[in-house]
Amino acid sequence: ALSVPGHGGTISEAAREDTEDGVGLVGTQFYRADVWGYLTSWVASVASLGLLLLVFRWCPILHLRWTHRLCESWDGTKAVVTGADGTQTVVSIEVFEAPP
């Protein structure tokens, strides 16, 4: 059975059909900000005279992996979502509080 990493359950029938058709979600990796990662990226950016910032702009996954660390799904602020076609996308995670 297919499962969604970090969520422990199996995916719905609709999601299973999407995956089989090649348009579904294959995997996710969750990340949280890392202070030392941000600090070293800024030092390296200054040392490279801004060239590293261009590289990060062209390759957002590299920027994410430099400035964030892998974590569990409930602790993440960003995620790398991998589609069935192999494309990877960086997405921000927003947490909403449920009203009492």
N, C-alpha and C. Protein backbone atom coordinates (compact mmCIF):
# COMPACT_ATOMS: atom_id res chain seq x y z
N ALA A 1 0.84 -1.19 0.00
CA ALA A 1 0.00 0.00 0.00
C ALA A 1 0.88 1.24 0.00
N LEU A 2 0.42 2.25 -0.68
CA LEU A 2 1.13 3.53 -0.71
C LEU A 2 0.86 4.28 0.58
N SER A 3 1.86 4.98 1.07
CA SER A 3 1.66 5.79 2.27
C SER A 3 2.30 7.15 2.07
N VAL A 4 1.84 8.10 2.84
CA VAL A 4 2.38 9.45 2.80
C VAL A 4 3.40 9.57 3.92
N PRO A 5 4.69 9.78 3.59
CA PRO A 5 5.72 9.87 4.62
C PRO A 5 5.41 10.95 5.64
N GLY A 6 5.59 10.63 6.91
CA GLY A 6 5.39 11.61 7.96
C GLY A 6 3.96 11.69 8.46
N HIS A 7 3.05 10.98 7.81
CA HIS A 7 1.65 11.06 8.22
C HIS A 7 1.10 9.71 8.66
N GLY A 8 1.81 8.64 8.39
CA GLY A 8 1.46 7.34 8.92
C GLY A 8 0.26 6.64 8.30
N GLY A 9 -0.51 7.29 7.47
CA GLY A 9 -1.69 6.66 6.90
C GLY A 9 -1.51 6.35 5.43
N THR A 10 -2.47 5.62 4.88
CA THR A 10 -2.44 5.36 3.46
C THR A 10 -3.13 6.50 2.74
N ILE A 11 -2.77 6.68 1.49
CA ILE A 11 -3.36 7.78 0.73
C ILE A 11 -4.74 7.38 0.22
N SER A 12 -5.52 8.38 -0.12
CA SER A 12 -6.88 8.14 -0.58
C SER A 12 -6.88 7.48 -1.96
N GLU A 13 -8.05 6.95 -2.34
CA GLU A 13 -8.17 6.32 -3.66
C GLU A 13 -7.91 7.33 -4.78
N ALA A 14 -8.40 8.57 -4.62
CA ALA A 14 -8.17 9.60 -5.63
C ALA A 14 -6.69 9.91 -5.78
N ALA A 15 -5.99 9.99 -4.66
CA ALA A 15 -4.55 10.25 -4.70
C ALA A 15 -3.81 9.07 -5.33
N ARG A 16 -4.26 7.86 -5.06
CA ARG A 16 -3.66 6.66 -5.64
C ARG A 16 -3.82 6.69 -7.16
N GLU A 17 -5.00 7.07 -7.65
CA GLU A 17 -5.24 7.16 -9.09
C GLU A 17 -4.36 8.23 -9.71
N ASP A 18 -4.20 9.37 -9.03
CA ASP A 18 -3.34 10.43 -9.55
C ASP A 18 -1.90 9.95 -9.66
N THR A 19 -1.43 9.21 -8.65
CA THR A 19 -0.07 8.70 -8.66
C THR A 19 0.12 7.72 -9.82
N GLU A 20 -0.86 6.86 -10.03
CA GLU A 20 -0.77 5.90 -11.12
C GLU A 20 -0.81 6.60 -12.48
N ASP A 21 -1.51 7.73 -12.58
CA ASP A 21 -1.58 8.50 -13.82
C ASP A 21 -0.34 9.37 -14.03
N GLY A 22 0.53 9.44 -13.03
CA GLY A 22 1.75 10.22 -13.16
C GLY A 22 1.62 11.67 -12.77
N VAL A 23 0.56 12.08 -12.09
CA VAL A 23 0.42 13.48 -11.70
C VAL A 23 0.36 13.64 -10.19
N GLY A 24 0.56 12.59 -9.44
CA GLY A 24 0.39 12.64 -7.99
C GLY A 24 1.65 12.96 -7.23
N LEU A 25 1.49 13.01 -5.94
CA LEU A 25 2.56 13.28 -5.00
C LEU A 25 3.27 11.98 -4.68
N VAL A 26 4.59 11.97 -4.83
CA VAL A 26 5.36 10.76 -4.55
C VAL A 26 5.97 10.83 -3.16
N GLY A 27 6.45 12.00 -2.75
CA GLY A 27 7.09 12.10 -1.45
C GLY A 27 7.25 13.54 -0.99
N THR A 28 7.45 13.68 0.31
CA THR A 28 7.70 15.00 0.89
C THR A 28 8.81 14.87 1.92
N GLN A 29 9.60 15.93 2.03
CA GLN A 29 10.61 16.05 3.07
C GLN A 29 10.36 17.38 3.76
N PHE A 30 10.34 17.35 5.07
CA PHE A 30 10.03 18.55 5.84
C PHE A 30 11.31 19.13 6.43
N TYR A 31 11.38 20.47 6.46
CA TYR A 31 12.56 21.18 6.93
C TYR A 31 12.15 22.29 7.89
N ARG A 32 13.06 22.59 8.83
CA ARG A 32 12.89 23.74 9.72
C ARG A 32 14.15 24.59 9.63
N ALA A 33 14.00 25.87 9.92
CA ALA A 33 15.12 26.81 9.80
C ALA A 33 16.25 26.45 10.75
N ASP A 34 17.47 26.71 10.31
CA ASP A 34 18.67 26.44 11.10
C ASP A 34 19.49 27.73 11.16
N VAL A 35 19.68 28.26 12.37
CA VAL A 35 20.38 29.53 12.55
C VAL A 35 21.79 29.47 11.98
N TRP A 36 22.53 28.39 12.26
CA TRP A 36 23.90 28.27 11.76
C TRP A 36 23.92 28.15 10.24
N GLY A 37 22.92 27.52 9.68
CA GLY A 37 22.84 27.43 8.22
C GLY A 37 22.66 28.80 7.59
N TYR A 38 21.76 29.61 8.18
CA TYR A 38 21.58 30.98 7.68
C TYR A 38 22.86 31.80 7.85
N LEU A 39 23.50 31.68 9.00
CA LEU A 39 24.72 32.44 9.25
C LEU A 39 25.82 32.07 8.25
N THR A 40 26.04 30.78 8.05
CA THR A 40 27.09 30.38 7.10
C THR A 40 26.74 30.75 5.67
N SER A 41 25.44 30.72 5.33
CA SER A 41 25.08 31.11 3.95
C SER A 41 25.32 32.60 3.72
N TRP A 42 25.06 33.43 4.72
CA TRP A 42 25.31 34.86 4.55
C TRP A 42 26.80 35.16 4.51
N VAL A 43 27.59 34.49 5.33
CA VAL A 43 29.04 34.68 5.28
C VAL A 43 29.58 34.25 3.91
N ALA A 44 29.12 33.12 3.42
CA ALA A 44 29.56 32.63 2.11
C ALA A 44 29.07 33.55 0.99
N SER A 45 27.89 34.11 1.14
CA SER A 45 27.36 35.04 0.13
C SER A 45 28.20 36.30 0.05
N VAL A 46 28.59 36.83 1.19
CA VAL A 46 29.46 38.02 1.22
C VAL A 46 30.82 37.67 0.64
N ALA A 47 31.36 36.51 1.02
CA ALA A 47 32.68 36.10 0.52
C ALA A 47 32.67 35.88 -0.99
N SER A 48 31.52 35.45 -1.54
CA SER A 48 31.44 35.21 -2.99
C SER A 48 30.95 36.44 -3.75
N LEU A 49 30.87 37.58 -3.05
CA LEU A 49 30.41 38.84 -3.64
C LEU A 49 29.02 38.72 -4.25
N GLY A 50 28.18 37.94 -3.60
CA GLY A 50 26.78 37.82 -4.03
C GLY A 50 26.51 36.72 -5.03
N LEU A 51 27.54 36.07 -5.53
CA LEU A 51 27.35 35.00 -6.51
C LEU A 51 26.53 33.85 -5.92
N LEU A 52 26.75 33.54 -4.67
CA LEU A 52 26.00 32.46 -4.03
C LEU A 52 24.51 32.79 -3.97
N LEU A 53 24.16 34.06 -3.80
CA LEU A 53 22.74 34.44 -3.80
C LEU A 53 22.09 34.16 -5.15
N LEU A 54 22.83 34.36 -6.24
CA LEU A 54 22.31 34.02 -7.57
C LEU A 54 22.10 32.51 -7.70
N VAL A 55 23.05 31.74 -7.20
CA VAL A 55 22.92 30.28 -7.25
C VAL A 55 21.69 29.85 -6.46
N PHE A 56 21.50 30.43 -5.29
CA PHE A 56 20.33 30.10 -4.47
C PHE A 56 19.03 30.50 -5.17
N ARG A 57 19.06 31.60 -5.92
CA ARG A 57 17.86 32.04 -6.65
C ARG A 57 17.52 31.04 -7.77
N TRP A 58 18.55 30.52 -8.43
CA TRP A 58 18.34 29.57 -9.52
C TRP A 58 18.02 28.17 -9.01
N CYS A 59 18.47 27.85 -7.82
CA CYS A 59 18.29 26.50 -7.27
C CYS A 59 17.75 26.60 -5.84
N PRO A 60 16.43 26.83 -5.70
CA PRO A 60 15.88 27.03 -4.35
C PRO A 60 16.01 25.81 -3.44
N ILE A 61 16.11 24.62 -4.00
CA ILE A 61 16.28 23.43 -3.15
C ILE A 61 17.65 23.46 -2.49
N LEU A 62 18.68 23.91 -3.21
CA LEU A 62 20.01 24.05 -2.63
C LEU A 62 19.99 25.06 -1.48
N HIS A 63 19.30 26.19 -1.69
CA HIS A 63 19.18 27.19 -0.64
C HIS A 63 18.48 26.62 0.59
N LEU A 64 17.41 25.89 0.35
CA LEU A 64 16.66 25.28 1.46
C LEU A 64 17.54 24.31 2.24
N ARG A 65 18.26 23.47 1.54
CA ARG A 65 19.09 22.46 2.21
C ARG A 65 20.28 23.07 2.93
N TRP A 66 20.72 24.26 2.51
CA TRP A 66 21.82 24.94 3.19
C TRP A 66 21.31 25.64 4.45
N THR A 67 20.12 26.23 4.41
CA THR A 67 19.64 27.06 5.51
C THR A 67 18.63 26.37 6.42
N HIS A 68 18.23 25.15 6.11
CA HIS A 68 17.25 24.42 6.91
C HIS A 68 17.77 23.01 7.19
N ARG A 69 17.16 22.35 8.16
CA ARG A 69 17.51 20.98 8.51
C ARG A 69 16.27 20.10 8.44
N LEU A 70 16.47 18.83 8.07
CA LEU A 70 15.36 17.88 8.03
C LEU A 70 14.71 17.76 9.41
N CYS A 71 13.39 17.59 9.42
CA CYS A 71 12.68 17.44 10.67
C CYS A 71 11.41 16.62 10.44
N GLU A 72 10.65 16.41 11.48
CA GLU A 72 9.37 15.72 11.38
C GLU A 72 8.33 16.67 10.79
N SER A 73 7.25 16.11 10.28
CA SER A 73 6.24 16.91 9.59
C SER A 73 5.60 17.98 10.48
N TRP A 74 5.39 17.70 11.75
CA TRP A 74 4.73 18.66 12.63
C TRP A 74 5.63 19.83 13.00
N ASP A 75 6.94 19.72 12.77
CA ASP A 75 7.89 20.75 13.16
C ASP A 75 8.36 21.58 11.96
N GLY A 76 7.96 21.20 10.75
CA GLY A 76 8.49 21.82 9.55
C GLY A 76 7.86 23.16 9.22
N THR A 77 8.66 24.03 8.61
CA THR A 77 8.17 25.31 8.12
C THR A 77 8.24 25.37 6.59
N LYS A 78 8.99 24.45 6.00
CA LYS A 78 9.10 24.32 4.55
C LYS A 78 9.11 22.84 4.22
N ALA A 79 8.76 22.54 2.96
CA ALA A 79 8.77 21.14 2.51
C ALA A 79 9.24 21.08 1.07
N VAL A 80 9.89 19.97 0.73
CA VAL A 80 10.22 19.66 -0.66
C VAL A 80 9.23 18.59 -1.08
N VAL A 81 8.40 18.91 -2.06
CA VAL A 81 7.38 18.01 -2.55
C VAL A 81 7.87 17.42 -3.87
N THR A 82 7.87 16.10 -3.95
CA THR A 82 8.31 15.41 -5.16
C THR A 82 7.10 14.85 -5.89
N GLY A 83 6.93 15.23 -7.14
CA GLY A 83 5.83 14.75 -7.95
C GLY A 83 6.16 13.42 -8.60
N ALA A 84 5.16 12.78 -9.16
CA ALA A 84 5.34 11.48 -9.81
C ALA A 84 6.30 11.57 -10.99
N ASP A 85 6.41 12.75 -11.60
CA ASP A 85 7.31 12.92 -12.74
C ASP A 85 8.74 13.24 -12.31
N GLY A 86 8.99 13.29 -11.00
CA GLY A 86 10.34 13.53 -10.48
C GLY A 86 10.66 14.98 -10.19
N THR A 87 9.77 15.90 -10.52
CA THR A 87 10.04 17.31 -10.23
C THR A 87 9.93 17.57 -8.73
N GLN A 88 10.79 18.44 -8.24
CA GLN A 88 10.77 18.81 -6.82
C GLN A 88 10.46 20.28 -6.70
N THR A 89 9.59 20.60 -5.74
CA THR A 89 9.16 21.97 -5.51
C THR A 89 9.28 22.30 -4.03
N VAL A 90 9.79 23.50 -3.73
CA VAL A 90 9.87 23.96 -2.35
C VAL A 90 8.59 24.72 -2.03
N VAL A 91 7.93 24.34 -0.95
CA VAL A 91 6.70 25.02 -0.53
C VAL A 91 6.82 25.44 0.93
N SER A 92 6.20 26.57 1.26
CA SER A 92 6.14 27.02 2.66
C SER A 92 4.94 26.38 3.33
N ILE A 93 5.08 26.11 4.61
CA ILE A 93 4.00 25.51 5.39
C ILE A 93 3.47 26.57 6.34
N GLU A 94 2.17 26.80 6.28
CA GLU A 94 1.53 27.74 7.19
C GLU A 94 0.68 26.97 8.20
N VAL A 95 0.79 27.37 9.44
CA VAL A 95 0.03 26.71 10.51
C VAL A 95 -1.09 27.64 10.95
N PHE A 96 -2.28 27.12 10.96
CA PHE A 96 -3.44 27.89 11.39
C PHE A 96 -3.96 27.32 12.70
N GLU A 97 -4.27 28.19 13.64
CA GLU A 97 -4.84 27.75 14.92
C GLU A 97 -6.33 27.57 14.74
N ALA A 98 -6.85 26.47 15.24
CA ALA A 98 -8.28 26.24 15.18
C ALA A 98 -8.97 27.01 16.29
N PRO A 99 -10.09 27.67 15.98
CA PRO A 99 -10.80 28.41 17.03
C PRO A 99 -11.37 27.44 18.07
N PRO A 100 -11.41 27.89 19.33
CA PRO A 100 -11.91 26.99 20.39
C PRO A 100 -13.37 26.69 20.26
